[in-house]
């Protein structure tokens, strides 16, 4: 978790939705007994200032080796510059799709 903390703002890291107990992605990884990987990711710049960058992204979330062990990940991410370092301040993605996989895994 310390690795993630260093890449995010305190507000983002401490938000309940980003806690391992609440976030669907870590639960999916645990239930599938497989590490998550994001492949084929692409970003599109939405807005940029000297202190912040907004991006949309799409990619493939892999949670196993079988052909069906994947889903398309889509979201928006906001980075802010804090002390000369870019950190995640907001990340909104299709958690409902991941939650649907969790429902089907039980």
Protein backbone atom coordinates (compact mmCIF):
# COMPACT_ATOMS: atom_id res chain seq x y z
CA UNK A 1 0.00 0.00 0.00
CA UNK A 2 2.92 2.38 0.59
CA UNK A 3 3.76 2.18 -3.11
CA UNK A 4 0.25 3.33 -3.99
CA UNK A 5 0.25 6.05 -1.32
CA UNK A 6 3.36 7.64 -2.88
CA UNK A 7 1.58 7.93 -6.24
CA UNK A 8 -1.63 9.52 -4.95
CA UNK A 9 -2.75 12.57 -3.03
CA UNK A 10 -3.71 11.99 0.61
CA UNK A 11 -7.35 12.81 -0.14
CA UNK A 12 -7.47 10.17 -2.89
CA UNK A 13 -5.63 7.49 -0.91
CA UNK A 14 -7.70 7.99 2.25
CA UNK A 15 -11.10 8.00 0.49
CA UNK A 16 -13.24 5.00 1.59
CA UNK A 17 -13.86 3.99 -2.04
CA UNK A 18 -10.11 3.43 -2.49
CA UNK A 19 -9.76 1.21 0.56
CA UNK A 20 -8.90 -2.40 -0.32
CA UNK A 21 -12.00 -3.54 1.54
CA UNK A 22 -14.34 -1.46 -0.60
CA UNK A 23 -12.67 -1.29 -4.00
CA UNK A 24 -13.89 -3.98 -6.41
CA UNK A 25 -10.59 -4.48 -8.28
CA UNK A 26 -8.58 -5.87 -5.32
CA UNK A 27 -11.55 -8.07 -4.32
CA UNK A 28 -11.72 -9.43 -7.88
CA UNK A 29 -8.00 -10.20 -7.77
CA UNK A 30 -8.45 -12.03 -4.46
CA UNK A 31 -11.49 -14.05 -5.61
CA UNK A 32 -9.87 -15.04 -8.89
CA UNK A 33 -6.56 -15.76 -7.11
CA UNK A 34 -4.75 -13.89 -9.84
CA UNK A 35 -2.90 -10.61 -10.12
CA UNK A 36 -4.63 -7.91 -12.11
CA UNK A 37 -2.94 -6.51 -15.21
CA UNK A 38 -3.95 -3.67 -17.47
CA UNK A 39 -2.95 -4.12 -21.09
CA UNK A 40 -3.52 -2.15 -24.28
CA UNK A 41 -4.06 1.07 -22.36
CA UNK A 42 -4.43 4.36 -24.19
CA UNK A 43 -4.88 7.89 -22.88
CA UNK A 44 -6.52 10.99 -24.35
CA UNK A 45 -5.73 14.37 -22.87
CA UNK A 46 -8.80 16.36 -21.78
CA UNK A 47 -7.34 19.43 -20.11
CA UNK A 48 -3.89 20.47 -18.96
CA UNK A 49 -2.46 23.24 -16.82
CA UNK A 50 0.95 23.59 -15.21
CA UNK A 51 -0.47 22.05 -12.04
CA UNK A 52 -2.99 19.46 -13.31
CA UNK A 53 -3.70 17.04 -16.13
CA UNK A 54 -7.03 15.42 -16.94
CA UNK A 55 -7.04 12.25 -19.04
CA UNK A 56 -9.55 9.71 -20.29
CA UNK A 57 -8.35 6.15 -20.73
CA UNK A 58 -9.35 2.77 -22.09
CA UNK A 59 -7.59 -0.52 -21.63
CA UNK A 60 -8.07 -4.20 -21.00
CA UNK A 61 -8.22 -5.41 -17.40
CA UNK A 62 -6.87 -9.00 -17.22
CA UNK A 63 -7.64 -11.11 -14.15
CA UNK A 64 -6.68 -14.58 -15.38
CA UNK A 65 -5.25 -16.47 -18.31
CA UNK A 66 -8.48 -17.70 -19.95
CA UNK A 67 -9.85 -15.80 -22.93
CA UNK A 68 -12.87 -14.65 -20.93
CA UNK A 69 -10.84 -13.38 -17.97
CA UNK A 70 -10.84 -9.78 -19.11
CA UNK A 71 -12.99 -6.70 -19.48
CA UNK A 72 -12.67 -3.28 -21.02
CA UNK A 73 -11.64 -0.65 -18.52
CA UNK A 74 -12.75 2.93 -19.22
CA UNK A 75 -12.29 5.98 -17.05
CA UNK A 76 -11.05 9.46 -16.35
CA UNK A 77 -8.10 10.35 -14.18
CA UNK A 78 -6.97 13.67 -12.75
CA UNK A 79 -3.31 14.18 -11.84
CA UNK A 80 -2.03 17.14 -9.85
CA UNK A 81 1.52 18.28 -9.29
CA UNK A 82 2.46 18.15 -5.62
CA UNK A 83 5.96 19.18 -4.66
CA UNK A 84 7.18 18.60 -8.21
CA UNK A 85 5.66 15.10 -8.40
CA UNK A 86 2.56 14.14 -10.40
CA UNK A 87 0.03 12.29 -8.24
CA UNK A 88 -3.44 10.81 -8.79
CA UNK A 89 -6.09 13.04 -7.27
CA UNK A 90 -9.17 11.46 -8.85
CA UNK A 91 -9.81 8.26 -10.80
CA UNK A 92 -13.27 7.31 -11.97
CA UNK A 93 -13.73 4.09 -13.95
CA UNK A 94 -16.39 1.52 -14.76
CA UNK A 95 -16.49 -0.10 -11.33
CA UNK A 96 -20.01 -1.43 -11.98
CA UNK A 97 -18.60 -3.81 -14.60
CA UNK A 98 -15.98 -5.08 -12.14
CA UNK A 99 -18.64 -5.41 -9.43
CA UNK A 100 -20.72 -7.46 -11.87
CA UNK A 101 -17.80 -9.88 -12.21
CA UNK A 102 -17.62 -10.11 -8.43
CA UNK A 103 -21.30 -10.99 -8.26
CA UNK A 104 -20.74 -13.77 -10.81
CA UNK A 105 -17.67 -15.10 -8.94
CA UNK A 106 -19.52 -15.98 -5.76
